[in-house]
Amino acid sequence: MWESLYEPNQKGSEGGIVLADEEYKNSCRITLEKCERYYAVTCGVYGAMVHTAFSDDEHYQAMYDEMKKELREFIDRETTAEEEWEFYRNFIGKF
């Protein structure tokens, strides 16, 4: 279950206003923020990866939802170190 870390009027790492901020199993975090000209989604797997992706008004919610889904599925499965690096490469390449 994703836990909300959202605080009203919080400024995000890209300088925008945070719209959503969630953590999953104390293992990863994802933040959605509205910047002046775009939306930014910053996510990370603790101790391993941090990535920020950008979107327009039409696609940001779908991108945020898909990133959350893929992060959750990754955290919930057993992986080798090689499989982890493959996930990170693919994830960053996709988003």
C-alpha atoms as a PDB file:
ATOM      1  CA  MET A   1       0.000   0.000   0.000  1.00  0.00           C
ATOM      2  CA  TRP A   2       1.306   3.429  -0.924  1.00  0.00           C
ATOM      3  CA  GLU A   3       1.509   5.843   2.016  1.00  0.00           C
ATOM      4  CA  SER A   4       0.860   9.529   1.395  1.00  0.00           C
ATOM      5  CA  LEU A   5       3.602  11.933   2.471  1.00  0.00           C
ATOM      6  CA  TYR A   6       1.810  14.912   0.929  1.00  0.00           C
ATOM      7  CA  GLU A   7       1.926  18.249   2.722  1.00  0.00           C
ATOM      8  CA  PRO A   8      -0.065  21.223   1.355  1.00  0.00           C
ATOM      9  CA  ASN A   9       1.886  24.026  -0.355  1.00  0.00           C
ATOM     10  CA  GLN A  10       5.121  22.032  -0.363  1.00  0.00           C
ATOM     11  CA  LYS A  11       7.687  22.970  -3.022  1.00  0.00           C
ATOM     12  CA  GLY A  12       9.192  20.094  -5.002  1.00  0.00           C
ATOM     13  CA  SER A  13      12.719  19.368  -6.164  1.00  0.00           C
ATOM     14  CA  GLU A  14      11.954  20.896  -9.575  1.00  0.00           C
ATOM     15  CA  GLY A  15      10.656  24.120  -8.033  1.00  0.00           C
ATOM     16  CA  GLY A  16       6.958  23.391  -8.585  1.00  0.00           C
ATOM     17  CA  ILE A  17       4.057  22.810  -6.233  1.00  0.00           C
ATOM     18  CA  VAL A  18       3.758  19.217  -5.006  1.00  0.00           C
ATOM     19  CA  LEU A  19       0.425  17.628  -5.956  1.00  0.00           C
ATOM     20  CA  ALA A  20       1.186  14.106  -4.689  1.00  0.00           C
ATOM     21  CA  ASP A  21       3.992  12.554  -2.669  1.00  0.00           C
ATOM     22  CA  GLU A  22       3.908   8.846  -1.814  1.00  0.00           C
ATOM     23  CA  GLU A  23       6.140   6.146  -0.386  1.00  0.00           C
ATOM     24  CA  TYR A  24       5.882   2.378  -0.875  1.00  0.00           C
ATOM     25  CA  LYS A  25       7.018  -0.123   1.773  1.00  0.00           C
ATOM     26  CA  ASN A  26       9.794   2.192   2.998  1.00  0.00           C
ATOM     27  CA  SER A  27      11.584   1.270  -0.248  1.00  0.00           C
ATOM     28  CA  CYS A  28      10.709   3.872  -2.851  1.00  0.00           C
ATOM     29  CA  ARG A  29       9.097   7.275  -3.224  1.00  0.00           C
ATOM     30  CA  ILE A  30       7.329   9.122  -6.026  1.00  0.00           C
ATOM     31  CA  THR A  31       6.432  12.816  -6.163  1.00  0.00           C
ATOM     32  CA  LEU A  32       4.273  14.696  -8.675  1.00  0.00           C
ATOM     33  CA  GLU A  33       4.639  18.431  -8.987  1.00  0.00           C
ATOM     34  CA  LYS A  34       3.146  21.143 -11.166  1.00  0.00           C
ATOM     35  CA  CYS A  35       5.834  23.471 -12.441  1.00  0.00           C
ATOM     36  CA  GLU A  36       5.303  26.669 -14.396  1.00  0.00           C
ATOM     37  CA  ARG A  37       5.323  25.077 -17.873  1.00  0.00           C
ATOM     38  CA  TYR A  38       5.235  21.315 -17.242  1.00  0.00           C
ATOM     39  CA  TYR A  39       4.646  18.550 -14.721  1.00  0.00           C
ATOM     40  CA  ALA A  40       7.531  16.684 -13.111  1.00  0.00           C
ATOM     41  CA  VAL A  41       7.507  13.220 -11.587  1.00  0.00           C
ATOM     42  CA  THR A  42      10.509  12.434  -9.410  1.00  0.00           C
ATOM     43  CA  CYS A  43      10.908   8.928  -8.074  1.00  0.00           C
ATOM     44  CA  GLY A  44      13.539   6.849  -6.440  1.00  0.00           C
ATOM     45  CA  VAL A  45      14.344   3.440  -5.092  1.00  0.00           C
ATOM     46  CA  TYR A  46      16.152   4.102  -1.840  1.00  0.00           C
ATOM     47  CA  GLY A  47      19.889   3.597  -2.097  1.00  0.00           C
ATOM     48  CA  ALA A  48      19.838   2.736  -5.796  1.00  0.00           C
ATOM     49  CA  MET A  49      18.105   5.089  -8.241  1.00  0.00           C
ATOM     50  CA  VAL A  50      16.612   8.561  -8.577  1.00  0.00           C
ATOM     51  CA  HIS A  51      14.891   9.706 -11.760  1.00  0.00           C
ATOM     52  CA  THR A  52      12.812  12.693 -12.866  1.00  0.00           C
ATOM     53  CA  ALA A  53      10.501  12.612 -15.883  1.00  0.00           C
ATOM     54  CA  PHE A  54       8.586  15.529 -17.398  1.00  0.00           C
ATOM     55  CA  SER A  55       5.133  15.698 -18.968  1.00  0.00           C
ATOM     56  CA  ASP A  56       2.516  18.003 -20.412  1.00  0.00           C
ATOM     57  CA  ASP A  57      -1.012  18.739 -19.187  1.00  0.00           C
ATOM     58  CA  GLU A  58      -2.540  15.808 -21.094  1.00  0.00           C
ATOM     59  CA  HIS A  59      -0.267  12.954 -20.052  1.00  0.00           C
ATOM     60  CA  TYR A  60       1.097  13.636 -16.574  1.00  0.00           C
ATOM     61  CA  GLN A  61      -1.487  11.600 -14.625  1.00  0.00           C
ATOM     62  CA  ALA A  62      -1.128   8.531 -16.831  1.00  0.00           C
ATOM     63  CA  MET A  63       2.660   8.768 -16.581  1.00  0.00           C
ATOM     64  CA  TYR A  64       2.535   9.127 -12.785  1.00  0.00           C
ATOM     65  CA  ASP A  65       0.165   6.149 -12.456  1.00  0.00           C
ATOM     66  CA  GLU A  66       2.286   3.948 -14.751  1.00  0.00           C
ATOM     67  CA  MET A  67       5.500   4.830 -12.915  1.00  0.00           C
ATOM     68  CA  LYS A  68       3.850   3.983  -9.570  1.00  0.00           C
ATOM     69  CA  LYS A  69       2.630   0.660 -10.941  1.00  0.00           C
ATOM     70  CA  GLU A  70       6.049  -0.335 -12.276  1.00  0.00           C
ATOM     71  CA  LEU A  71       7.827   0.702  -9.069  1.00  0.00           C
ATOM     72  CA  ARG A  72       5.342  -1.260  -6.945  1.00  0.00           C
ATOM     73  CA  GLU A  73       5.712  -4.383  -9.090  1.00  0.00           C
ATOM     74  CA  PHE A  74       9.509  -4.094  -8.927  1.00  0.00           C
ATOM     75  CA  ILE A  75       9.588  -3.711  -5.136  1.00  0.00           C
ATOM     76  CA  ASP A  76       7.182  -6.637  -4.680  1.00  0.00           C
ATOM     77  CA  ARG A  77       9.235  -9.205  -6.605  1.00  0.00           C
ATOM     78  CA  GLU A  78      12.477 -10.999  -5.786  1.00  0.00           C
ATOM     79  CA  THR A  79      15.317  -9.835  -8.056  1.00  0.00           C
ATOM     80  CA  THR A  80      18.997 -10.452  -8.534  1.00  0.00           C
ATOM     81  CA  ALA A  81      21.415  -7.524  -8.678  1.00  0.00           C
ATOM     82  CA  GLU A  82      21.547  -7.892 -12.461  1.00  0.00           C
ATOM     83  CA  GLU A  83      17.751  -7.842 -12.730  1.00  0.00           C
ATOM     84  CA  GLU A  84      17.653  -4.695 -10.584  1.00  0.00           C
ATOM     85  CA  TRP A  85      20.077  -2.849 -12.877  1.00  0.00           C
ATOM     86  CA  GLU A  86      18.072  -4.021 -15.890  1.00  0.00           C
ATOM     87  CA  PHE A  87      14.896  -2.631 -14.324  1.00  0.00           C
ATOM     88  CA  TYR A  88      16.570   0.740 -13.650  1.00  0.00           C
ATOM     89  CA  ARG A  89      17.912   0.991 -17.216  1.00  0.00           C
ATOM     90  CA  ASN A  90      14.542   0.077 -18.736  1.00  0.00           C
ATOM     91  CA  PHE A  91      12.589   2.337 -16.398  1.00  0.00           C
ATOM     92  CA  ILE A  92      14.770   5.375 -17.097  1.00  0.00           C
ATOM     93  CA  GLY A  93      14.683   4.617 -20.824  1.00  0.00           C
ATOM     94  CA  LYS A  94      10.886   4.410 -20.811  1.00  0.00           C
ATOM     95  CA  PHE A  95      10.261   7.498 -18.713  1.00  0.00           C
END
